[in-house]
Amino acid sequence: MREVKDFSRLDYLQNGNERQQEAYRVLTGHKILEKLVLYHPLLAGTIPLEIDIAQSDLDIVCCWTVKDSFIESVSQHFSTYPFFTLKEKIVGNHTTVIAGFTVEGFAVELFGQAVPSHRQAAYRHMLIEHKLLLKHGEIFKEQVVQLKLQGYKTEPAFAQLLGLKGDPYEALLLLEQDLFGS
């Protein structure tokens, strides 16, 4: 069985599959996390878990204390990249700044909230999903990918396979205490 990864560092991508190695090269080559260091960036999503599909993006969660400073910094560093977008919306009762752009074939989504990065739902979902993948094995992992190829988002795919009821995003978070004991 594979070991639990330290997702707070990008090192694991260097020795990962081809797509992970390419993501590492793009993230480090363009200094994307370095440019966001003031906002405690963490890579989340499916690429770290090796359950990505062709359309999967690089999701980076960030924590800001002054929203306008975050917006200014993101715009300064990334607005020249192709397909740059920036919007604000409420996600999980939190004001959220979402920026997107493309770099070397990867869609990148920056997701900033005034919530510590490691406590944001996207990062917590990834940690929960990692534990579930370790627990349920390769066949389960392949089933998740197959559902994603059929159009399921990641959390609904997990919820479907696990028989979780209600909102799949909330249902997965309810597993956190059982999986991590906290």
Protein backbone atom coordinates (compact mmCIF):
# COMPACT_ATOMS: atom_id res chain seq x y z
CA MET A 1 0.00 0.00 0.00
CA ARG A 2 1.23 3.47 -0.83
CA GLU A 3 2.15 5.85 1.93
CA VAL A 4 0.43 9.05 2.94
CA LYS A 5 2.06 11.92 1.05
CA ASP A 6 3.07 15.30 2.39
CA PHE A 7 0.99 17.45 0.07
CA SER A 8 2.26 20.68 1.63
CA ARG A 9 5.41 20.41 -0.52
CA LEU A 10 5.67 19.81 -4.26
CA ASP A 11 8.57 17.33 -4.04
CA TYR A 12 6.30 14.29 -4.48
CA LEU A 13 5.40 15.52 -7.98
CA GLN A 14 9.02 15.21 -9.14
CA ASN A 15 8.91 11.42 -8.81
CA GLY A 16 5.26 10.99 -9.74
CA ASN A 17 3.64 10.02 -12.99
CA GLU A 18 4.35 11.88 -16.23
CA ARG A 19 1.59 14.45 -15.71
CA GLN A 20 2.73 15.14 -12.14
CA GLN A 21 6.31 15.65 -13.29
CA GLU A 22 5.12 18.03 -15.99
CA ALA A 23 3.00 19.92 -13.42
CA TYR A 24 6.06 20.20 -11.18
CA ARG A 25 8.12 21.56 -14.06
CA VAL A 26 5.46 24.14 -14.96
CA LEU A 27 4.78 25.23 -11.37
CA THR A 28 8.45 25.59 -10.49
CA GLY A 29 9.57 26.90 -13.87
CA HIS A 30 7.03 29.71 -13.76
CA LYS A 31 7.55 30.20 -10.00
CA ILE A 32 3.79 30.13 -9.52
CA LEU A 33 3.83 29.13 -5.85
CA GLU A 34 6.77 31.44 -5.15
CA LYS A 35 4.75 34.37 -6.51
CA LEU A 36 1.94 33.42 -4.12
CA VAL A 37 4.12 32.69 -1.06
CA LEU A 38 2.52 35.47 1.01
CA TYR A 39 -0.79 33.64 0.66
CA HIS A 40 0.36 30.18 1.80
CA PRO A 41 -0.43 28.40 -1.49
CA LEU A 42 -1.19 24.68 -1.52
CA LEU A 43 -1.76 22.55 -4.58
CA ALA A 44 -5.03 20.63 -4.33
CA GLY A 45 -7.22 18.65 -6.70
CA THR A 46 -6.87 15.52 -8.77
CA ILE A 47 -3.38 15.79 -10.24
CA PRO A 48 -1.71 15.26 -6.84
CA LEU A 49 -3.92 12.17 -6.33
CA GLU A 50 -3.24 10.68 -9.78
CA ILE A 51 -6.98 10.63 -10.57
CA ASP A 52 -6.84 13.45 -13.08
CA ILE A 53 -8.27 13.35 -16.57
CA ALA A 54 -7.27 15.42 -19.61
CA GLN A 55 -9.46 18.37 -18.54
CA SER A 56 -8.16 18.46 -14.95
CA ASP A 57 -6.58 21.72 -13.84
CA LEU A 58 -4.00 22.72 -11.28
CA ASP A 59 -5.98 23.96 -8.28
CA ILE A 60 -4.07 26.18 -5.88
CA VAL A 61 -5.71 27.30 -2.64
CA CYS A 62 -4.50 30.52 -1.03
CA CYS A 63 -5.25 32.40 2.18
CA TRP A 64 -5.49 36.17 2.13
CA THR A 65 -6.07 38.62 4.96
CA VAL A 66 -6.56 41.67 2.72
CA LYS A 67 -8.64 40.72 -0.31
CA ASP A 68 -7.63 43.74 -2.40
CA SER A 69 -3.93 43.01 -1.87
CA PHE A 70 -4.45 39.42 -3.01
CA ILE A 71 -6.35 40.59 -6.11
CA GLU A 72 -3.60 43.11 -6.90
CA SER A 73 -0.85 40.52 -6.47
CA VAL A 74 -2.62 37.89 -8.56
CA SER A 75 -3.32 40.42 -11.30
CA GLN A 76 0.27 41.68 -11.26
CA HIS A 77 1.78 38.20 -11.54
CA PHE A 78 -0.67 36.34 -13.76
CA SER A 79 -2.81 38.71 -15.86
CA THR A 80 -0.46 38.37 -18.83
CA TYR A 81 -1.01 34.60 -19.04
CA PRO A 82 -3.51 33.37 -21.66
CA PHE A 83 -7.19 33.23 -20.71
CA PHE A 84 -6.70 35.14 -17.45
CA THR A 85 -9.93 35.65 -15.51
CA LEU A 86 -10.62 36.97 -12.04
CA LYS A 87 -13.90 36.97 -10.16
CA GLU A 88 -15.32 37.12 -6.67
CA LYS A 89 -18.10 34.97 -5.28
CA ILE A 90 -19.31 33.42 -2.06
CA VAL A 91 -18.24 29.80 -1.61
CA GLY A 92 -19.09 27.98 1.60
CA ASN A 93 -20.14 31.26 3.24
CA HIS A 94 -16.70 32.77 2.51
CA THR A 95 -15.85 35.60 0.16
CA THR A 96 -13.72 33.93 -2.47
CA VAL A 97 -11.43 35.29 -5.16
CA ILE A 98 -11.01 32.90 -8.08
CA ALA A 99 -8.45 33.52 -10.78
CA GLY A 100 -7.79 31.33 -13.77
CA PHE A 101 -5.22 31.23 -16.54
CA THR A 102 -3.37 28.81 -18.78
CA VAL A 103 0.31 28.01 -18.73
CA GLU A 104 2.00 25.50 -21.03
CA GLY A 105 -1.19 23.54 -21.61
CA PHE A 106 -2.27 23.47 -17.96
CA ALA A 107 -5.34 25.33 -16.80
CA VAL A 108 -4.54 26.86 -13.40
CA GLU A 109 -7.15 27.97 -10.89
CA LEU A 110 -6.21 30.10 -7.90
CA PHE A 111 -8.76 29.95 -5.13
CA GLY A 112 -8.28 32.55 -2.39
CA GLN A 113 -10.23 32.88 0.84
CA ALA A 114 -9.66 34.43 4.26
CA VAL A 115 -9.40 30.86 5.59
CA PRO A 116 -6.08 29.11 6.29
CA SER A 117 -5.15 27.21 3.13
CA HIS A 118 -4.93 23.84 4.87
CA ARG A 119 -8.46 24.32 6.27
CA GLN A 120 -10.11 25.20 2.96
CA ALA A 121 -12.58 22.63 1.66
CA ALA A 122 -10.67 21.85 -1.55
CA TYR A 123 -7.51 20.92 0.35
CA ARG A 124 -9.43 18.97 3.01
CA HIS A 125 -11.31 17.09 0.27
CA MET A 126 -8.01 16.11 -1.33
CA LEU A 127 -6.61 14.76 1.96
CA ILE A 128 -9.80 12.80 2.62
CA GLU A 129 -9.80 11.42 -0.92
CA HIS A 130 -6.15 10.41 -0.58
CA LYS A 131 -6.94 8.43 2.58
CA LEU A 132 -9.91 6.80 0.86
CA LEU A 133 -7.78 5.86 -2.15
CA LEU A 134 -5.21 4.26 0.15
CA LYS A 135 -7.95 2.44 2.05
CA HIS A 136 -9.90 1.14 -0.96
CA GLY A 137 -7.05 0.40 -3.38
CA GLU A 138 -6.39 0.48 -7.11
CA ILE A 139 -9.74 -0.85 -8.34
CA PHE A 140 -11.54 1.89 -6.41
CA LYS A 141 -9.12 4.46 -7.87
CA GLU A 142 -9.86 3.21 -11.40
CA GLN A 143 -13.60 3.43 -10.69
CA VAL A 144 -13.21 7.07 -9.60
CA VAL A 145 -11.37 7.87 -12.84
CA GLN A 146 -14.03 6.05 -14.91
CA LEU A 147 -16.80 8.11 -13.29
CA LYS A 148 -14.81 11.29 -13.94
CA LEU A 149 -14.47 10.28 -17.60
CA GLN A 150 -18.27 9.93 -17.66
CA GLY A 151 -18.62 13.55 -16.50
CA TYR A 152 -18.73 13.25 -12.71
CA LYS A 153 -16.88 15.84 -10.65
CA THR A 154 -14.43 14.32 -8.17
CA GLU A 155 -16.42 14.58 -4.93
CA PRO A 156 -19.65 13.28 -6.49
CA ALA A 157 -17.67 10.34 -7.93
CA PHE A 158 -16.36 9.42 -4.49
CA ALA A 159 -19.81 9.86 -2.95
CA GLN A 160 -21.37 7.64 -5.62
CA LEU A 161 -18.86 4.84 -5.06
CA LEU A 162 -19.10 5.09 -1.27
CA GLY A 163 -22.90 5.35 -1.22
CA LEU A 164 -22.81 8.70 0.57
CA LYS A 165 -26.11 10.57 0.74
CA GLY A 166 -26.82 14.28 0.44
CA ASP A 167 -24.42 16.94 -0.78
CA PRO A 168 -21.28 15.02 -1.82
CA TYR A 169 -18.95 17.88 -0.84
CA GLU A 170 -20.36 18.00 2.69
CA ALA A 171 -20.67 14.21 2.94
CA LEU A 172 -16.94 13.80 2.26
CA LEU A 173 -16.05 16.38 4.90
CA LEU A 174 -18.10 14.38 7.41
CA LEU A 175 -15.66 11.49 6.90
CA GLU A 176 -12.73 13.63 8.02
CA GLN A 177 -13.01 12.87 11.73
CA ASP A 178 -13.24 9.09 11.17
CA LEU A 179 -10.27 9.09 8.78
CA PHE A 180 -7.99 11.44 10.70
CA GLY A 181 -9.34 11.31 14.24
CA SER A 182 -9.52 15.09 14.53
